[in-house]
Amino acid sequence: MNVAVREPGSFRDPSGTVFSHNGRIFRTIAEQAAPGFDAVRATGLLERLERQERVVGTKLIEARPDLPDGDIRYVVEHPRLPFVSYPYEWTFSALKAAALHHLDVQLDALAENVTLSDASAYNVQFVGPHPVFIDVLSFRPYRDGEFWAGHRQFCEQFLNPLLVRALLGVPHNDWYRGALEGISSEYLSRTLSLRHKLSWNVLTQVVLQASLQRSVGGKLDREQAEAIKQRRFPKSSFVAMLQRLRRYIDGLSPADRTPTQWQDYAADNTYSDADYGAKKQFVHDAVTASGPAMVWDLGCNVGEYAEIALEAGADHVVGWDVDHGALEAGFTRARERKLNVLPLHFDAANPSPSQGWDQAERYGMAERGPADMVLALAFVHHLAIARNVPLDHVAKWLTEIGRAGVVEFVEKGDSTVRQMLAVREDIFPDYTLDAFLSAMSKHARITRRLALSQPGSGSMRHLIAFERYDP
């Protein structure tokens, strides 16, 4: 029986569940949630936000897939997103764009007497560099005088990670990946200086939040609990709070502005003009021949080759890189040029794992693949030399995450590899082109090759196009 499969991360909300079935995405809406869903739909808010491509498309369907038995009033279908990413993989600029998007959606909702039941960063996804809100069951009718139910969650999953970078110059990614619910105000408050805490926004959104959490963490007597229930928050104050927070976030920027190691690599590299053009043409031809919908660009830098992949016919590119400066430049480039490119942070030797509840709530990098095609340009030596990953392991991994691809192998005589080996012992006798081709040939068919010379060194860089053997 061809039964719809529940998405592993869709278990927290009793209002509905997300399922996949034959490549399509469905969401159930429980009986208890139906009145609220109907009331929100009646305002026209969801339809308007969908037309503006700010909220995921939602279509009520009659012909339902074979779903598990349950308390279901409606089933809706959403378009499948090209890729699912997570806030701990986003650049600072992407996280900021997602935060502003959430606040804008909340403000538009309040104008229709609708609010959001939570403020999870995981409710925002990206299509290229453009954020889209995906949880339609987060919308519910606004109750006059209610407080912002998602305030703490917004601070910990959006604001605090941004402040780590904006105030301390420390990227949020590793901390966030190790704490999937975000960065707690209490812990952030402990890291901030007195100068930081004297800022009105930091004082109210971080320091006082941390103090409140500590006080609520203790036991409340009946009188205190009742007083909390009776508090009122005028809608005008709610709107003003959101607008003030939006202005503050919109003005944030990373404190670490020094150019990073690979940020200028696209303009400052070791290729001759002729070889540079030949490399771009090789990538273009390989993508055209493969015809991929989704390309993963490993070591994407600012996204130059991602753009070439789009020009050659790819629909979407996900870029992966460890260099924060290059990723920021890549995200800006994608937005300015309106490219379907999403640059994400990753360490190739330690990519995002499957984690969360039952180690399946958030998919690992590999579990979101394989991509139709991978680009691994000037990339292999960073794993094989810098991280001691054997070439056969690299070849196996590349052919597992991509059905086809272009790989660049850089010989030891190249200036970049020489620089790597200048500060350590050369323990890599097997790092040779022949060894790499042999390793690749165990898993894929090599379809074309091109050798590029490095001026003045006699060293070669080799472009290798491959197609994975059918399983």
Foldseek 3Di string as FASTA:
>chain_A
DQEWAWAPQFDPDPQWTWTDGPNWIKIFGFPVLVVFLVVLVVLVLVVVCVVVQQAWDWAWDDPDGHYPDDRGDTMITTGDAPFQDAPLWAFLVLLLQLLLSQLVSQLSQVVSQKHFQAQASSQWGDQQSHIHGYDSSRIGGHDFFDDRNHLQQSCFHRVLQSCCFQPVVDHSNVVCLVPVSGHHLLVSVVVDDPVVCVPPCCVVSRVVSNVVVVVVVDDDDPVRVVVVVPHGDGSVNNSVVSVVVSVVSVPTDGPPPPADDCQCPVVDDQADPVVVVVVLVVLLVLLLVLQFQEEEEEQCQLPPSVVSSVVSHHNAYEYEHQGSNSQVNNSVVCVVVVHSYGYTYADVVDFRPQDDVVSRSDHTLLVRDQGQEYEQEPHPCCCCQVVVDDLLNVLVVRVSSYQKYKHKQWDCQDPVNVVSCVVDPPPCPQRDPVNNVVSNVVFWDWDDKDWGDGPPRRTIMMMTITGGDDD
